[in-house]
Amino acid sequence: MEPADIARIKATHKPRPWWRSCRVTTGCTCGAKRWPCNAVLAARDAESRANQPNVEAQVRMIVNRQYGRYPL
C-alpha cells in the first residue's frame, strides 16, 4: 500500500458513535459498524510493515551500545 493511500485512509476513516439497541457503540465514518474498520486495520498493518526495518536497526543499535559493541 502506498504512503498516500495510508494517509488518506487514516484521515478519512474516523470513529463515529451510533445507537444500537439502547446503547451507544463506536462505528466508522465509512459506514462500518465497528471501529477500527478493515480499511484502517489494513492501513495500520501496512504502515507497521513499512517501518519494521527501521525499528529493527534501532533495536540492534541500542543492544550493541548496551553490551559495549559498536554497530558495524
N, C-alpha and C. Protein backbone atom coordinates (compact mmCIF):
# COMPACT_ATOMS: atom_id res chain seq x y z
N MET A 1 0.85 -1.16 0.00
CA MET A 1 0.00 0.00 0.00
C MET A 1 0.90 1.23 0.00
N GLU A 2 0.55 2.18 -0.82
CA GLU A 2 1.34 3.41 -0.95
C GLU A 2 1.16 4.31 0.27
N PRO A 3 2.18 5.10 0.60
CA PRO A 3 2.05 6.02 1.73
C PRO A 3 0.89 7.01 1.57
N ALA A 4 0.59 7.42 0.35
CA ALA A 4 -0.53 8.34 0.13
C ALA A 4 -1.86 7.66 0.47
N ASP A 5 -1.98 6.37 0.13
CA ASP A 5 -3.21 5.64 0.46
C ASP A 5 -3.37 5.50 1.97
N ILE A 6 -2.28 5.21 2.66
CA ILE A 6 -2.32 5.08 4.12
C ILE A 6 -2.75 6.39 4.75
N ALA A 7 -2.18 7.49 4.30
CA ALA A 7 -2.53 8.80 4.85
C ALA A 7 -3.99 9.14 4.57
N ARG A 8 -4.48 8.82 3.36
CA ARG A 8 -5.87 9.11 3.01
C ARG A 8 -6.83 8.30 3.88
N ILE A 9 -6.54 7.03 4.07
CA ILE A 9 -7.41 6.19 4.90
C ILE A 9 -7.42 6.67 6.34
N LYS A 10 -6.25 6.99 6.88
CA LYS A 10 -6.19 7.45 8.26
C LYS A 10 -6.88 8.80 8.44
N ALA A 11 -6.91 9.62 7.40
CA ALA A 11 -7.54 10.93 7.51
C ALA A 11 -9.05 10.87 7.35
N THR A 12 -9.56 9.94 6.54
CA THR A 12 -10.99 9.92 6.25
C THR A 12 -11.78 8.95 7.11
N HIS A 13 -11.16 7.93 7.66
CA HIS A 13 -11.87 6.94 8.47
C HIS A 13 -11.68 7.30 9.95
N LYS A 14 -12.73 7.82 10.55
CA LYS A 14 -12.69 8.25 11.95
C LYS A 14 -13.78 7.53 12.73
N PRO A 15 -13.62 7.41 14.06
CA PRO A 15 -14.68 6.81 14.86
C PRO A 15 -15.94 7.68 14.86
N ARG A 16 -17.09 7.00 14.87
CA ARG A 16 -18.37 7.70 14.85
C ARG A 16 -19.33 6.96 15.77
N PRO A 17 -19.91 7.65 16.75
CA PRO A 17 -20.87 6.97 17.63
C PRO A 17 -22.20 6.73 16.91
N TRP A 18 -22.83 5.63 17.21
CA TRP A 18 -24.17 5.34 16.70
C TRP A 18 -24.92 4.48 17.70
N TRP A 19 -26.24 4.57 17.65
CA TRP A 19 -27.08 3.87 18.61
C TRP A 19 -27.33 2.45 18.15
N ARG A 20 -27.24 1.52 19.11
CA ARG A 20 -27.51 0.13 18.80
C ARG A 20 -28.29 -0.46 19.98
N SER A 21 -29.54 -0.66 19.79
CA SER A 21 -30.45 -1.22 20.80
C SER A 21 -30.21 -0.62 22.18
N CYS A 22 -30.47 0.65 22.31
CA CYS A 22 -30.43 1.38 23.57
C CYS A 22 -29.03 1.57 24.14
N ARG A 23 -28.01 1.43 23.35
CA ARG A 23 -26.67 1.75 23.83
C ARG A 23 -25.85 2.32 22.68
N VAL A 24 -24.89 3.13 23.02
CA VAL A 24 -24.06 3.78 22.01
C VAL A 24 -22.82 2.92 21.78
N THR A 25 -22.54 2.63 20.52
CA THR A 25 -21.31 1.93 20.15
C THR A 25 -20.54 2.80 19.18
N THR A 26 -19.33 2.40 18.89
CA THR A 26 -18.49 3.19 18.01
C THR A 26 -18.34 2.48 16.67
N GLY A 27 -18.71 3.19 15.61
CA GLY A 27 -18.55 2.69 14.26
C GLY A 27 -17.53 3.54 13.53
N CYS A 28 -17.54 3.46 12.22
CA CYS A 28 -16.59 4.23 11.40
C CYS A 28 -17.38 5.17 10.48
N THR A 29 -16.75 6.24 10.07
CA THR A 29 -17.41 7.20 9.19
C THR A 29 -17.66 6.62 7.80
N CYS A 30 -17.01 5.50 7.46
CA CYS A 30 -17.26 4.87 6.16
C CYS A 30 -18.53 4.04 6.16
N GLY A 31 -19.14 3.85 7.33
CA GLY A 31 -20.38 3.10 7.42
C GLY A 31 -20.22 1.75 8.09
N ALA A 32 -19.00 1.35 8.41
CA ALA A 32 -18.78 0.08 9.10
C ALA A 32 -19.35 0.18 10.51
N LYS A 33 -19.85 -0.93 11.00
CA LYS A 33 -20.50 -0.93 12.30
C LYS A 33 -19.53 -1.11 13.47
N ARG A 34 -18.25 -1.24 13.19
CA ARG A 34 -17.28 -1.36 14.28
C ARG A 34 -16.06 -0.50 13.97
N TRP A 35 -15.36 -0.11 15.02
CA TRP A 35 -14.15 0.69 14.90
C TRP A 35 -13.01 -0.07 15.51
N PRO A 36 -11.86 -0.21 14.94
CA PRO A 36 -11.47 0.24 13.60
C PRO A 36 -12.01 -0.68 12.52
N CYS A 37 -12.32 -0.11 11.37
CA CYS A 37 -12.84 -0.90 10.26
C CYS A 37 -11.68 -1.63 9.56
N ASN A 38 -12.00 -2.47 8.62
CA ASN A 38 -10.98 -3.27 7.93
C ASN A 38 -9.98 -2.39 7.17
N ALA A 39 -10.43 -1.27 6.62
CA ALA A 39 -9.53 -0.39 5.88
C ALA A 39 -8.49 0.22 6.82
N VAL A 40 -8.90 0.64 7.99
CA VAL A 40 -7.96 1.22 8.96
C VAL A 40 -6.99 0.15 9.44
N LEU A 41 -7.47 -1.05 9.69
CA LEU A 41 -6.59 -2.13 10.13
C LEU A 41 -5.55 -2.46 9.05
N ALA A 42 -5.97 -2.48 7.79
CA ALA A 42 -5.04 -2.76 6.70
C ALA A 42 -4.01 -1.64 6.56
N ALA A 43 -4.44 -0.39 6.73
CA ALA A 43 -3.50 0.74 6.64
C ALA A 43 -2.49 0.71 7.78
N ARG A 44 -2.95 0.40 8.99
CA ARG A 44 -2.03 0.32 10.13
C ARG A 44 -1.04 -0.82 9.94
N ASP A 45 -1.51 -1.95 9.42
CA ASP A 45 -0.64 -3.09 9.19
C ASP A 45 0.42 -2.77 8.13
N ALA A 46 0.01 -2.12 7.04
CA ALA A 46 0.96 -1.74 6.00
C ALA A 46 1.98 -0.73 6.52
N GLU A 47 1.53 0.18 7.36
CA GLU A 47 2.43 1.19 7.92
C GLU A 47 3.46 0.54 8.85
N SER A 48 3.02 -0.40 9.66
CA SER A 48 3.97 -1.06 10.57
C SER A 48 4.95 -1.93 9.80
N ARG A 49 4.50 -2.57 8.72
CA ARG A 49 5.43 -3.35 7.89
C ARG A 49 6.46 -2.47 7.22
N ALA A 50 6.06 -1.28 6.80
CA ALA A 50 6.99 -0.37 6.14
C ALA A 50 8.04 0.14 7.12
N ASN A 51 7.68 0.29 8.40
CA ASN A 51 8.60 0.81 9.41
C ASN A 51 9.43 -0.27 10.08
N GLN A 52 9.15 -1.55 9.80
CA GLN A 52 9.81 -2.64 10.50
C GLN A 52 11.34 -2.63 10.35
N PRO A 53 11.93 -2.45 9.15
CA PRO A 53 13.39 -2.43 9.07
C PRO A 53 14.02 -1.31 9.90
N ASN A 54 13.38 -0.15 9.97
CA ASN A 54 13.90 0.96 10.76
C ASN A 54 13.90 0.62 12.24
N VAL A 55 12.85 -0.01 12.71
CA VAL A 55 12.74 -0.38 14.12
C VAL A 55 13.79 -1.43 14.47
N GLU A 56 13.97 -2.42 13.58
CA GLU A 56 14.97 -3.46 13.84
C GLU A 56 16.37 -2.87 13.91
N ALA A 57 16.69 -1.92 13.05
CA ALA A 57 18.00 -1.28 13.07
C ALA A 57 18.21 -0.49 14.37
N GLN A 58 17.18 0.20 14.82
CA GLN A 58 17.29 0.97 16.06
C GLN A 58 17.47 0.05 17.26
N VAL A 59 16.75 -1.05 17.30
CA VAL A 59 16.90 -2.00 18.41
C VAL A 59 18.28 -2.63 18.39
N ARG A 60 18.77 -2.99 17.21
CA ARG A 60 20.11 -3.57 17.08
C ARG A 60 21.17 -2.60 17.59
N MET A 61 21.04 -1.30 17.26
CA MET A 61 21.99 -0.30 17.70
C MET A 61 21.95 -0.14 19.22
N ILE A 62 20.76 -0.13 19.81
CA ILE A 62 20.63 0.01 21.26
C ILE A 62 21.25 -1.18 21.97
N VAL A 63 21.00 -2.40 21.48
CA VAL A 63 21.57 -3.59 22.09
C VAL A 63 23.09 -3.59 21.98
N ASN A 64 23.61 -3.21 20.83
CA ASN A 64 25.06 -3.16 20.66
C ASN A 64 25.70 -2.15 21.60
N ARG A 65 25.07 -1.00 21.76
CA ARG A 65 25.61 0.00 22.69
C ARG A 65 25.54 -0.48 24.14
N GLN A 66 24.47 -1.18 24.47
CA GLN A 66 24.29 -1.67 25.83
C GLN A 66 25.38 -2.67 26.20
N TYR A 67 25.78 -3.51 25.26
CA TYR A 67 26.77 -4.54 25.52
C TYR A 67 28.18 -4.13 25.11
N GLY A 68 28.39 -2.85 24.81
CA GLY A 68 29.72 -2.34 24.53
C GLY A 68 30.20 -2.62 23.12
N ARG A 69 29.35 -3.12 22.27
CA ARG A 69 29.73 -3.33 20.87
C ARG A 69 29.25 -2.15 20.06
N TYR A 70 29.97 -1.82 19.05
CA TYR A 70 29.58 -0.70 18.19
C TYR A 70 29.00 -1.25 16.91
N PRO A 71 28.04 -0.53 16.32
CA PRO A 71 27.44 -1.02 15.07
C PRO A 71 28.48 -1.12 13.97
N LEU A 72 28.33 -2.15 13.17
CA LEU A 72 29.29 -2.38 12.07
C LEU A 72 28.95 -1.57 10.88
